[in-house]
């Protein structure tokens, strides 16, 4: 199957092009401003499907709306007719096509150009009226409020919001790409049609800004967003894409003492909290129990022994653990427990707790596991 993507270097085009390159059995060509008219003509003569994404939305003059949207769509369709070809055309339009502003009018006229082409040639045409797109590679401080908010917050720049209560509908770029990929599957009935509504998320400008700021603050507070919310997952991925390469990494606050080092990694009220520790040889951590809180221990480097003793009993249970095995040990309530480094080097351990640590109500009560006479010298 031979495909052509116009506007291949734009926001939607780059994401679609990347996805199409992963598909087998596809010959893919892109067209954008740096390409020649001859290259466009050559691609149109062979394409089975044209994803027509090229257009103008922030021109220097109003007249450019007409030339870049309706005019270029007419140029594509006219050339196809001259070549005697009627490939399927997927047109990227806008919800503003319903409005009478210059941009909306030019998009609506582009839709009509496609409709006329399909009626004359029997080609299949699909119109996607897209709205407020967001995702990686979207140009900030241009025509996407989400991209602008993400870029500015990631670069510690101010955000300007005239009306925080104003609501907008957002559509994620990967949902657009998924819909476009589905257009590769037959059958393609003749005629021009509007595509179904894509998934969207309604949010106020104030809430959008607050969520994006919380992503930045999560590095210091370590509080992860609620990823059960699909909008949070998509917004967080978008925010990270605007970080500068030098800002990808950040350090954790380590608490060090004679035993080694301990650092909180990430936490979330629905999930709990993850810690990481380095423990020196011969050192024991723990010797406490919980009434309700549960934990999981995972040694990722070194050798250790996790010990348990049920409250009110003398029997001590021992579980050898090693970084070579990735063996997880559950810590039940009502058992005092400890972990000892019995290796020659440092022991690195991941700890998960079912709740975020609260010093005022930690549910952590000191009690040794081994009686003093059984502690190794």
Protein backbone atom coordinates (compact mmCIF):
# COMPACT_ATOMS: atom_id res chain seq x y z
CA UNK A 1 0.00 0.00 0.00
CA UNK A 2 1.37 3.41 -0.99
CA UNK A 3 0.61 6.36 1.25
CA UNK A 4 1.16 10.10 1.05
CA UNK A 5 1.08 12.42 4.06
CA UNK A 6 0.91 16.12 3.30
CA UNK A 7 1.96 18.39 6.13
CA UNK A 8 4.29 15.59 7.24
CA UNK A 9 6.41 17.90 9.38
CA UNK A 10 3.49 19.41 11.26
CA UNK A 11 2.20 18.32 14.66
CA UNK A 12 -0.32 15.75 13.41
CA UNK A 13 1.85 14.78 10.45
CA UNK A 14 4.92 13.95 12.51
CA UNK A 15 2.96 11.75 14.88
CA UNK A 16 1.10 9.98 12.07
CA UNK A 17 4.26 9.53 10.01
CA UNK A 18 6.06 7.94 12.97
CA UNK A 19 3.19 5.49 13.47
CA UNK A 20 2.94 4.62 9.78
CA UNK A 21 6.67 3.86 9.60
CA UNK A 22 6.08 1.03 12.08
CA UNK A 23 3.54 -0.66 9.80
CA UNK A 24 4.60 -3.44 7.45
CA UNK A 25 3.65 -3.50 3.78
CA UNK A 26 3.55 0.28 3.45
CA UNK A 27 5.44 2.56 1.07
CA UNK A 28 5.37 5.97 2.70
CA UNK A 29 6.04 9.43 1.31
CA UNK A 30 5.76 12.78 3.05
CA UNK A 31 5.23 16.23 1.63
CA UNK A 32 5.80 19.59 3.32
CA UNK A 33 7.06 23.08 2.57
CA UNK A 34 10.61 21.98 1.78
CA UNK A 35 9.44 19.59 -0.95
CA UNK A 36 9.05 20.53 -4.60
CA UNK A 37 5.85 20.54 -6.69
CA UNK A 38 7.40 17.75 -8.76
CA UNK A 39 7.78 15.58 -5.66
CA UNK A 40 4.13 16.18 -4.79
CA UNK A 41 3.03 15.23 -8.30
CA UNK A 42 5.09 12.05 -8.23
CA UNK A 43 3.58 10.99 -4.92
CA UNK A 44 0.02 11.73 -6.06
CA UNK A 45 0.48 9.52 -9.13
CA UNK A 46 1.03 6.41 -7.00
CA UNK A 47 -0.69 6.98 -3.64
CA UNK A 48 -3.48 4.61 -2.62
CA UNK A 49 -4.41 6.83 0.34
CA UNK A 50 -3.65 10.51 0.86
CA UNK A 51 -3.64 11.84 4.41
CA UNK A 52 -4.12 15.51 3.61
CA UNK A 53 -2.96 17.28 6.78
CA UNK A 54 -1.25 20.32 5.27
CA UNK A 55 -2.90 23.63 5.97
CA UNK A 56 -2.54 27.14 7.37
CA UNK A 57 -3.82 28.24 10.77
CA UNK A 58 -1.63 31.22 11.74
CA UNK A 59 -0.87 33.16 8.53
CA UNK A 60 0.53 36.64 8.05
CA UNK A 61 -2.52 37.70 6.04
CA UNK A 62 -6.15 36.59 5.90
CA UNK A 63 -5.76 35.66 2.24
CA UNK A 64 -3.30 32.92 3.18
CA UNK A 65 -6.10 31.01 4.89
CA UNK A 66 -7.78 30.55 1.54
CA UNK A 67 -4.61 29.68 -0.36
CA UNK A 68 -3.22 27.30 2.27
CA UNK A 69 -6.43 25.44 3.10
CA UNK A 70 -9.07 25.44 0.37
CA UNK A 71 -6.57 26.42 -2.34
CA UNK A 72 -4.04 23.70 -1.65
CA UNK A 73 -6.78 21.09 -1.25
CA UNK A 74 -8.08 22.07 -4.68
CA UNK A 75 -4.54 21.79 -6.09
CA UNK A 76 -4.20 18.23 -4.75
CA UNK A 77 -7.61 17.18 -6.09
CA UNK A 78 -7.06 18.84 -9.49
CA UNK A 79 -3.76 17.03 -9.97
CA UNK A 80 -5.32 13.70 -9.05
CA UNK A 81 -8.05 14.25 -11.64
CA UNK A 82 -5.47 15.14 -14.26
CA UNK A 83 -3.69 11.88 -13.52
CA UNK A 84 -6.97 9.98 -13.73
CA UNK A 85 -6.61 8.80 -10.13
CA UNK A 86 -9.13 8.57 -7.30
CA UNK A 87 -7.34 7.47 -4.11
CA UNK A 88 -8.94 7.64 -0.72
CA UNK A 89 -8.37 11.04 0.89
CA UNK A 90 -8.43 11.63 4.63
CA UNK A 91 -8.75 15.35 5.29
CA UNK A 92 -7.71 17.05 8.51
CA UNK A 93 -10.26 19.81 9.10
CA UNK A 94 -11.30 21.72 12.21
CA UNK A 95 -14.36 22.22 14.41
CA UNK A 96 -14.00 25.86 13.44
CA UNK A 97 -15.35 24.90 10.03
CA UNK A 98 -18.72 25.44 11.68
CA UNK A 99 -17.83 29.11 12.29
CA UNK A 100 -17.69 32.09 9.96
CA UNK A 101 -14.22 33.34 10.83
CA UNK A 102 -11.62 33.35 7.99
CA UNK A 103 -9.95 30.16 9.22
CA UNK A 104 -13.25 28.32 9.64
CA UNK A 105 -14.50 29.42 6.22
CA UNK A 106 -11.29 28.22 4.53
CA UNK A 107 -11.55 24.84 6.23
CA UNK A 108 -15.22 24.48 5.28
CA UNK A 109 -14.39 25.30 1.68
CA UNK A 110 -11.62 22.68 1.71
CA UNK A 111 -14.22 20.14 2.82
CA UNK A 112 -16.44 21.15 -0.09
CA UNK A 113 -13.54 20.79 -2.52
CA UNK A 114 -13.03 17.23 -1.30
CA UNK A 115 -16.75 16.50 -1.53
CA UNK A 116 -16.83 17.68 -5.15
CA UNK A 117 -13.78 15.56 -6.01
CA UNK A 118 -15.40 12.45 -4.54
CA UNK A 119 -18.65 13.08 -6.41
CA UNK A 120 -16.86 13.48 -9.74
CA UNK A 121 -14.42 10.60 -9.41
CA UNK A 122 -16.11 8.07 -7.10
CA UNK A 123 -13.24 8.40 -4.62
CA UNK A 124 -13.67 7.84 -0.90
CA UNK A 125 -13.18 10.91 1.27
CA UNK A 126 -13.22 11.25 5.05
CA UNK A 127 -13.29 14.57 6.89
CA UNK A 128 -12.03 14.83 10.47
CA UNK A 129 -13.08 18.00 12.24
CA UNK A 130 -10.43 18.16 14.95
CA UNK A 131 -10.40 20.37 18.02
CA UNK A 132 -7.85 21.56 20.59
CA UNK A 133 -5.28 18.85 19.98
CA UNK A 134 -2.46 18.18 22.41
CA UNK A 135 0.46 15.79 22.71
CA UNK A 136 4.16 15.52 22.00
CA UNK A 137 5.74 17.68 19.28
CA UNK A 138 3.01 20.32 19.31
CA UNK A 139 4.41 23.81 18.84
CA UNK A 140 4.11 25.96 22.00
CA UNK A 141 3.08 29.62 22.04
CA UNK A 142 1.40 29.14 18.69
CA UNK A 143 -2.13 27.75 18.58
CA UNK A 144 -2.29 25.11 21.34
CA UNK A 145 -2.96 26.27 24.88
CA UNK A 146 -1.91 22.89 26.27
CA UNK A 147 1.44 23.01 24.48
CA UNK A 148 1.99 26.58 25.70
CA UNK A 149 1.14 25.72 29.31
CA UNK A 150 3.39 22.63 29.25
CA UNK A 151 6.31 24.48 27.68
CA UNK A 152 6.07 27.48 29.99
CA UNK A 153 5.74 25.44 33.16
CA UNK A 154 8.61 23.16 32.12
CA UNK A 155 10.77 26.26 31.54
CA UNK A 156 9.61 28.18 34.65
CA UNK A 157 7.86 30.79 32.54
CA UNK A 158 4.61 32.51 33.57
CA UNK A 159 1.21 31.43 32.27
CA UNK A 160 -1.34 34.01 31.16
CA UNK A 161 -5.00 33.05 31.79
CA UNK A 162 -7.68 35.65 31.08
CA UNK A 163 -10.60 33.47 32.25
CA UNK A 164 -9.68 30.44 34.41
CA UNK A 165 -13.29 29.17 34.31
CA UNK A 166 -13.41 28.95 30.53
CA UNK A 167 -13.84 25.34 29.44
CA UNK A 168 -12.36 23.68 26.39
CA UNK A 169 -12.51 20.21 24.84
CA UNK A 170 -9.14 18.52 24.34
CA UNK A 171 -8.32 15.65 21.97
CA UNK A 172 -5.10 13.68 22.37
CA UNK A 173 -2.86 13.19 19.37
CA UNK A 174 -2.59 9.41 19.79
CA UNK A 175 -6.38 9.12 19.55
CA UNK A 176 -6.23 11.03 16.27
CA UNK A 177 -3.45 8.80 14.97
CA UNK A 178 -5.37 5.65 15.97
CA UNK A 179 -8.41 6.86 14.03
CA UNK A 180 -6.28 7.66 10.98
CA UNK A 181 -4.61 4.24 11.10
CA UNK A 182 -8.06 2.62 11.11
CA UNK A 183 -8.66 4.31 7.76
CA UNK A 184 -6.10 1.95 6.24
CA UNK A 185 -8.48 -0.97 6.61
CA UNK A 186 -10.96 -1.68 3.80
CA UNK A 187 -13.65 -1.27 2.76
CA UNK A 188 -13.70 2.36 1.62
CA UNK A 189 -17.08 3.22 0.20
CA UNK A 190 -17.25 5.94 -2.48
CA UNK A 191 -18.32 9.42 -1.46
CA UNK A 192 -17.34 11.94 1.18
CA UNK A 193 -18.31 11.48 4.81
CA UNK A 194 -17.56 13.00 8.19
CA UNK A 195 -15.68 10.82 10.63
CA UNK A 196 -17.19 9.98 13.99
CA UNK A 197 -16.38 12.03 17.06
CA UNK A 198 -13.01 11.30 18.63
CA UNK A 199 -12.47 10.95 22.39
CA UNK A 200 -12.27 14.32 24.11
CA UNK A 201 -11.79 15.71 27.60
CA UNK A 202 -13.51 18.81 28.97
CA UNK A 203 -11.47 20.92 31.38
CA UNK A 204 -11.27 24.54 32.45
CA UNK A 205 -8.21 26.63 31.72
CA UNK A 206 -7.56 27.07 35.43
CA UNK A 207 -7.71 23.33 36.12
CA UNK A 208 -5.52 22.61 33.11
CA UNK A 209 -2.85 24.98 34.39
CA UNK A 210 -3.10 23.56 37.91
CA UNK A 211 -2.64 19.98 36.72
CA UNK A 212 0.39 20.85 34.62
CA UNK A 213 1.96 22.77 37.52
CA UNK A 214 1.39 19.72 39.73
CA UNK A 215 3.47 17.62 37.30
CA UNK A 216 6.39 19.99 37.80
CA UNK A 217 5.91 19.98 41.57
CA UNK A 218 5.82 16.16 41.68
CA UNK A 219 9.60 16.10 41.42
CA UNK A 220 10.02 17.79 44.78
CA UNK A 221 6.94 16.37 46.48
CA UNK A 222 7.27 12.96 44.77
CA UNK A 223 3.47 12.77 44.57
CA UNK A 224 2.53 11.07 41.30
CA UNK A 225 -0.61 12.11 39.42
CA UNK A 226 -3.68 9.91 39.57
CA UNK A 227 -3.03 7.85 36.45
CA UNK A 228 -6.44 6.19 36.74
CA UNK A 229 -7.60 9.41 35.08
CA UNK A 230 -6.86 9.00 31.34
CA UNK A 231 -6.51 12.76 30.89
CA UNK A 232 -3.78 12.83 33.54
CA UNK A 233 -1.86 10.09 31.73
CA UNK A 234 -2.00 11.99 28.47
CA UNK A 235 -1.26 15.41 29.96
CA UNK A 236 1.68 14.08 31.97
CA UNK A 237 3.20 12.45 28.89
CA UNK A 238 2.73 15.73 27.02
CA UNK A 239 4.33 17.75 29.80
CA UNK A 240 7.42 15.52 29.93
CA UNK A 241 7.92 15.96 26.18
CA UNK A 242 8.59 19.67 26.74
CA UNK A 243 11.45 19.19 29.20
CA UNK A 244 14.89 20.15 28.01
CA UNK A 245 17.31 17.19 27.75
CA UNK A 246 19.38 18.59 30.60
CA UNK A 247 16.26 18.47 32.78
CA UNK A 248 15.33 14.83 32.26
CA UNK A 249 17.13 13.67 35.41
CA UNK A 250 16.69 14.80 39.01
CA UNK A 251 18.09 13.75 42.36
CA UNK A 252 16.23 12.29 45.32
CA UNK A 253 16.63 13.59 48.86
CA UNK A 254 18.73 10.96 50.64
CA UNK A 255 18.68 10.41 54.38
CA UNK A 256 22.04 8.99 55.45
CA UNK A 257 23.24 7.55 58.74
CA UNK A 258 25.54 4.80 59.96
CA UNK A 259 23.33 2.15 58.37
CA UNK A 260 23.54 3.58 54.84
CA UNK A 261 21.10 5.73 52.86
CA UNK A 262 17.32 5.86 52.33
CA UNK A 263 15.31 7.90 49.84
CA UNK A 264 11.64 8.23 48.94
CA UNK A 265 11.12 7.57 45.23
CA UNK A 266 7.45 8.07 44.34
CA UNK A 267 4.14 8.14 46.17
CA UNK A 268 0.43 8.32 45.44
CA UNK A 269 -2.48 8.09 47.90
CA UNK A 270 -4.31 5.36 45.90
CA UNK A 271 -1.10 3.36 45.42
CA UNK A 272 1.11 4.01 48.42
CA UNK A 273 4.80 4.77 48.38
CA UNK A 274 8.12 3.40 47.13
CA UNK A 275 11.44 3.84 48.94
CA UNK A 276 14.94 2.75 47.98
CA UNK A 277 17.78 2.08 50.43
CA UNK A 278 21.44 1.19 50.53
CA UNK A 279 22.42 -0.83 53.58
CA UNK A 280 26.00 -1.44 54.70
CA UNK A 281 27.30 -4.99 55.41
CA UNK A 282 26.25 -6.38 58.78
CA UNK A 283 23.57 -3.72 59.29
CA UNK A 284 19.95 -4.55 60.14
CA UNK A 285 16.99 -2.32 59.27
CA UNK A 286 13.48 -2.53 60.66
CA UNK A 287 12.72 -4.21 63.99
CA UNK A 288 9.21 -2.87 64.06
CA UNK A 289 5.67 -3.96 63.24
CA UNK A 290 2.47 -2.47 61.81
CA UNK A 291 -1.16 -2.85 62.85
CA UNK A 292 -2.65 -2.35 59.38
CA UNK A 293 0.02 -1.06 57.01
CA UNK A 294 1.45 -3.63 54.63
CA UNK A 295 4.72 -3.58 52.71
CA UNK A 296 6.72 -5.41 50.06
CA UNK A 297 10.51 -5.82 50.11
CA UNK A 298 12.62 -6.48 47.01
CA UNK A 299 16.41 -6.75 47.20
CA UNK A 300 17.89 -5.74 43.84
CA UNK A 301 21.56 -5.90 44.78
CA UNK A 302 23.43 -7.82 47.49
CA UNK A 303 22.47 -10.54 49.95
CA UNK A 304 20.09 -10.31 52.87
CA UNK A 305 17.86 -12.12 55.33
CA UNK A 306 14.34 -10.93 56.12
CA UNK A 307 13.14 -12.10 59.53
CA UNK A 308 9.64 -12.23 61.01
CA UNK A 309 8.27 -12.90 64.46
CA UNK A 310 4.56 -12.90 65.14
CA UNK A 311 3.68 -10.76 68.14
CA UNK A 312 3.24 -12.85 71.27
CA UNK A 313 5.30 -15.76 69.91
CA UNK A 314 8.98 -16.71 69.95
CA UNK A 315 9.32 -18.46 66.59
CA UNK A 316 11.45 -16.49 64.10
CA UNK A 317 10.92 -17.01 60.37
CA UNK A 318 13.80 -16.35 58.00
CA UNK A 319 13.69 -15.61 54.25
CA UNK A 320 17.05 -15.34 52.43
CA UNK A 321 16.88 -12.77 49.63
CA UNK A 322 19.31 -11.89 46.87
CA UNK A 323 19.61 -9.35 44.10
CA UNK A 324 20.13 -12.26 41.71
CA UNK A 325 16.61 -13.61 42.31
CA UNK A 326 14.31 -10.55 42.40
CA UNK A 327 12.25 -12.26 45.10
CA UNK A 328 9.45 -10.19 46.62
CA UNK A 329 8.59 -10.68 50.29
CA UNK A 330 5.23 -9.48 51.65
CA UNK A 331 5.21 -7.93 55.12
CA UNK A 332 1.95 -8.78 56.91
CA UNK A 333 0.61 -6.76 59.86
CA UNK A 334 1.16 -8.06 63.37
CA UNK A 335 4.64 -9.42 62.60
CA UNK A 336 7.70 -7.55 63.76
CA UNK A 337 10.22 -7.73 60.95
CA UNK A 338 13.76 -6.80 59.94
CA UNK A 339 16.14 -7.08 57.03
CA UNK A 340 19.86 -7.73 57.55
CA UNK A 341 22.65 -7.30 55.02
CA UNK A 342 24.60 -10.58 55.22
CA UNK A 343 26.71 -9.96 52.12
CA UNK A 344 30.13 -8.43 51.69
CA UNK A 345 28.97 -5.31 49.83
CA UNK A 346 26.10 -2.85 50.06
CA UNK A 347 22.58 -4.21 49.79
CA UNK A 348 20.10 -2.20 47.67
CA UNK A 349 16.43 -2.71 48.50
CA UNK A 350 13.14 -1.41 47.13
CA UNK A 351 10.38 -0.98 49.71
CA UNK A 352 6.72 -0.50 48.86
CA UNK A 353 4.21 0.58 51.50
CA UNK A 354 0.46 0.59 50.95
CA UNK A 355 0.11 4.15 52.25
CA UNK A 356 2.02 7.41 52.02
CA UNK A 357 4.13 7.94 55.14
CA UNK A 358 2.56 10.24 57.71
CA UNK A 359 4.81 11.04 60.67
CA UNK A 360 1.79 11.89 62.85
CA UNK A 361 0.20 8.48 62.22
CA UNK A 362 2.88 6.16 60.88
CA UNK A 363 1.48 2.83 62.16
CA UNK A 364 5.08 1.81 62.91
CA UNK A 365 5.86 0.35 66.35
CA UNK A 366 9.33 -0.63 67.53
CA UNK A 367 9.98 -4.21 68.62
CA UNK A 368 13.02 -6.38 67.97
CA UNK A 369 12.64 -9.58 66.00
CA UNK A 370 15.54 -11.54 67.56
CA UNK A 371 15.98 -11.77 71.32
CA UNK A 372 19.28 -10.14 72.38
CA UNK A 373 21.02 -13.51 72.90
CA UNK A 374 20.31 -14.45 69.25
CA UNK A 375 21.66 -11.30 67.67
CA UNK A 376 24.86 -11.94 65.69
CA UNK A 377 27.94 -10.30 67.27
